[in-house]
C-alpha atoms as a PDB file:
ATOM      1  CA  MET A   1     169.208-261.327 105.546  1.00  0.00           C
ATOM      2  CA  LEU A   2     169.969-258.929 102.851  1.00  0.00           C
ATOM      3  CA  ILE A   3     173.377-258.230 103.951  1.00  0.00           C
ATOM      4  CA  ASN A   4     174.416-261.832 103.527  1.00  0.00           C
ATOM      5  CA  LEU A   5     173.061-261.923 100.353  1.00  0.00           C
ATOM      6  CA  GLY A   6     175.496-259.115  99.406  1.00  0.00           C
ATOM      7  CA  TYR A   7     173.483-255.970  99.999  1.00  0.00           C
ATOM      8  CA  GLN A   8     175.236-253.179 101.755  1.00  0.00           C
ATOM      9  CA  TYR A   9     173.316-251.206 104.496  1.00  0.00           C
ATOM     10  CA  LEU A  10     173.199-247.443 104.085  1.00  0.00           C
ATOM     11  CA  SER A  11     172.666-244.908 106.964  1.00  0.00           C
ATOM     12  CA  GLN A  12     169.931-242.605 107.035  1.00  0.00           C
ATOM     13  CA  GLU A  13     172.378-239.550 106.285  1.00  0.00           C
ATOM     14  CA  LYS A  14     174.151-241.549 103.442  1.00  0.00           C
ATOM     15  CA  VAL A  15     170.861-242.545 101.728  1.00  0.00           C
ATOM     16  CA  MET A  16     169.814-238.661 101.862  1.00  0.00           C
ATOM     17  CA  LYS A  17     173.061-237.691 100.210  1.00  0.00           C
ATOM     18  CA  LEU A  18     172.284-240.204  97.461  1.00  0.00           C
ATOM     19  CA  ARG A  19     169.021-238.725  97.088  1.00  0.00           C
ATOM     20  CA  TYR A  20     170.391-235.140  96.882  1.00  0.00           C
ATOM     21  CA  ASN A  21     168.797-234.254 100.314  1.00  0.00           C
ATOM     22  CA  ARG A  22     165.369-234.652  98.577  1.00  0.00           C
ATOM     23  CA  THR A  23     162.872-237.097 100.484  1.00  0.00           C
ATOM     24  CA  SER A  24     160.832-236.943  97.243  1.00  0.00           C
ATOM     25  CA  ASN A  25     163.662-238.248  95.084  1.00  0.00           C
ATOM     26  CA  VAL A  26     163.253-242.305  95.830  1.00  0.00           C
ATOM     27  CA  LEU A  27     166.266-243.320  93.529  1.00  0.00           C
ATOM     28  CA  LEU A  28     169.502-243.461  94.796  1.00  0.00           C
ATOM     29  CA  GLU A  29     170.997-242.355  91.324  1.00  0.00           C
ATOM     30  CA  PRO A  30     174.578-242.591  91.799  1.00  0.00           C
ATOM     31  CA  ILE A  31     174.399-246.371  92.637  1.00  0.00           C
ATOM     32  CA  LEU A  32     171.660-247.045  90.057  1.00  0.00           C
ATOM     33  CA  LYS A  33     173.910-245.202  87.530  1.00  0.00           C
ATOM     34  CA  GLU A  34     177.079-247.165  88.389  1.00  0.00           C
ATOM     35  CA  GLN A  35     174.907-250.231  88.351  1.00  0.00           C
ATOM     36  CA  LEU A  36     173.361-249.689  85.093  1.00  0.00           C
ATOM     37  CA  ALA A  37     176.885-249.130  83.433  1.00  0.00           C
ATOM     38  CA  LYS A  38     178.028-252.352  85.102  1.00  0.00           C
ATOM     39  CA  ILE A  39     175.567-254.857  84.109  1.00  0.00           C
ATOM     40  CA  ASN A  40     174.284-253.771  80.734  1.00  0.00           C
ATOM     41  CA  GLU A  41     175.661-253.993  77.303  1.00  0.00           C
ATOM     42  CA  ILE A  42     174.783-254.256  73.696  1.00  0.00           C
ATOM     43  CA  GLN A  43     175.799-257.172  71.781  1.00  0.00           C
ATOM     44  CA  VAL A  44     177.373-255.965  68.481  1.00  0.00           C
ATOM     45  CA  SER A  45     178.161-259.259  66.780  1.00  0.00           C
ATOM     46  CA  SER A  46     178.859-262.776  68.171  1.00  0.00           C
ATOM     47  CA  THR A  47     182.188-261.492  69.280  1.00  0.00           C
ATOM     48  CA  GLN A  48     181.695-257.854  70.289  1.00  0.00           C
ATOM     49  CA  THR A  49     179.848-255.871  73.072  1.00  0.00           C
ATOM     50  CA  GLU A  50     179.918-252.560  73.596  1.00  0.00           C
ATOM     51  CA  LYS A  51     178.905-251.011  77.164  1.00  0.00           C
ATOM     52  CA  PHE A  52     176.076-248.093  77.389  1.00  0.00           C
ATOM     53  CA  THR A  53     177.166-244.503  76.940  1.00  0.00           C
ATOM     54  CA  GLN A  54     176.580-242.506  80.047  1.00  0.00           C
ATOM     55  CA  SER A  55     174.346-240.153  77.787  1.00  0.00           C
ATOM     56  CA  ASN A  56     172.017-243.608  77.406  1.00  0.00           C
ATOM     57  CA  ILE A  57     172.508-244.199  81.178  1.00  0.00           C
ATOM     58  CA  ASP A  58     171.118-240.736  82.109  1.00  0.00           C
ATOM     59  CA  GLU A  59     167.954-240.978  79.756  1.00  0.00           C
ATOM     60  CA  ALA A  60     167.330-244.523  81.478  1.00  0.00           C
ATOM     61  CA  VAL A  61     167.465-243.105  84.725  1.00  0.00           C
ATOM     62  CA  LEU A  62     165.372-240.127  83.562  1.00  0.00           C
ATOM     63  CA  ARG A  63     162.884-242.211  82.263  1.00  0.00           C
ATOM     64  CA  LEU A  64     162.401-243.858  85.349  1.00  0.00           C
ATOM     65  CA  LYS A  65     162.094-240.564  87.087  1.00  0.00           C
ATOM     66  CA  GLU A  66     159.041-239.503  84.725  1.00  0.00           C
ATOM     67  CA  ILE A  67     156.066-241.266  86.346  1.00  0.00           C
ATOM     68  CA  PRO A  68     153.181-240.864  84.720  1.00  0.00           C
ATOM     69  CA  MET A  69     150.832-239.905  87.555  1.00  0.00           C
ATOM     70  CA  GLU A  70     147.860-238.726  85.645  1.00  0.00           C
ATOM     71  CA  GLN A  71     145.967-242.266  85.506  1.00  0.00           C
ATOM     72  CA  GLY A  72     146.485-242.947  89.047  1.00  0.00           C
ATOM     73  CA  TYR A  73     148.760-244.962  91.272  1.00  0.00           C
ATOM     74  CA  ALA A  74     147.830-248.264  89.955  1.00  0.00           C
ATOM     75  CA  LYS A  75     149.229-247.469  86.612  1.00  0.00           C
ATOM     76  CA  ALA A  76     152.138-245.612  87.453  1.00  0.00           C
ATOM     77  CA  THR A  77     153.373-248.670  89.492  1.00  0.00           C
ATOM     78  CA  GLU A  78     152.849-250.366  86.234  1.00  0.00           C
ATOM     79  CA  TYR A  79     154.836-248.288  84.398  1.00  0.00           C
ATOM     80  CA  ILE A  80     157.674-248.436  87.059  1.00  0.00           C
ATOM     81  CA  TYR A  81     157.469-252.293  87.053  1.00  0.00           C
ATOM     82  CA  ASP A  82     157.384-252.524  83.320  1.00  0.00           C
ATOM     83  CA  ARG A  83     160.559-250.013  83.046  1.00  0.00           C
ATOM     84  CA  LEU A  84     162.600-251.803  85.671  1.00  0.00           C
ATOM     85  CA  LEU A  85     161.858-255.808  84.326  1.00  0.00           C
ATOM     86  CA  LEU A  86     161.031-255.062  80.454  1.00  0.00           C
ATOM     87  CA  GLY A  87     163.688-252.165  80.299  1.00  0.00           C
ATOM     88  CA  THR A  88     163.582-249.764  77.396  1.00  0.00           C
ATOM     89  CA  THR A  89     164.910-249.357  74.148  1.00  0.00           C
ATOM     90  CA  LEU A  90     167.558-246.529  73.588  1.00  0.00           C
ATOM     91  CA  ASP A  91     169.616-245.540  70.338  1.00  0.00           C
ATOM     92  CA  GLN A  92     173.154-245.881  70.649  1.00  0.00           C
ATOM     93  CA  THR A  93     175.938-245.151  67.773  1.00  0.00           C
ATOM     94  CA  ILE A  94     178.691-247.853  67.565  1.00  0.00           C
ATOM     95  CA  GLU A  95     181.397-247.347  65.118  1.00  0.00           C
ATOM     96  CA  GLY A  96     179.403-244.914  63.237  1.00  0.00           C
ATOM     97  CA  GLN A  97     176.257-246.848  62.846  1.00  0.00           C
ATOM     98  CA  ILE A  98     172.983-246.516  65.197  1.00  0.00           C
END
């Protein structure tokens, strides 16, 4: 069903490569970074948009990886859910202005 919706099946070998051969790394970072660059933009004015910088994409991924586990799994899951659904704010300089 997911393939019919446009998802692509990835072999176990491909997934491990995208996880940098670490089973503890649950993010497929190259795909995540590509999609963040593709679907996110900043509305500068009514007629101008800008893409996210690579440094902001890297920071967004880092924030997803830094899961606060000290308060337990329920709070950690809530943190991840909020980051994915609500996003996060990152400064970006555009034409000399932040």
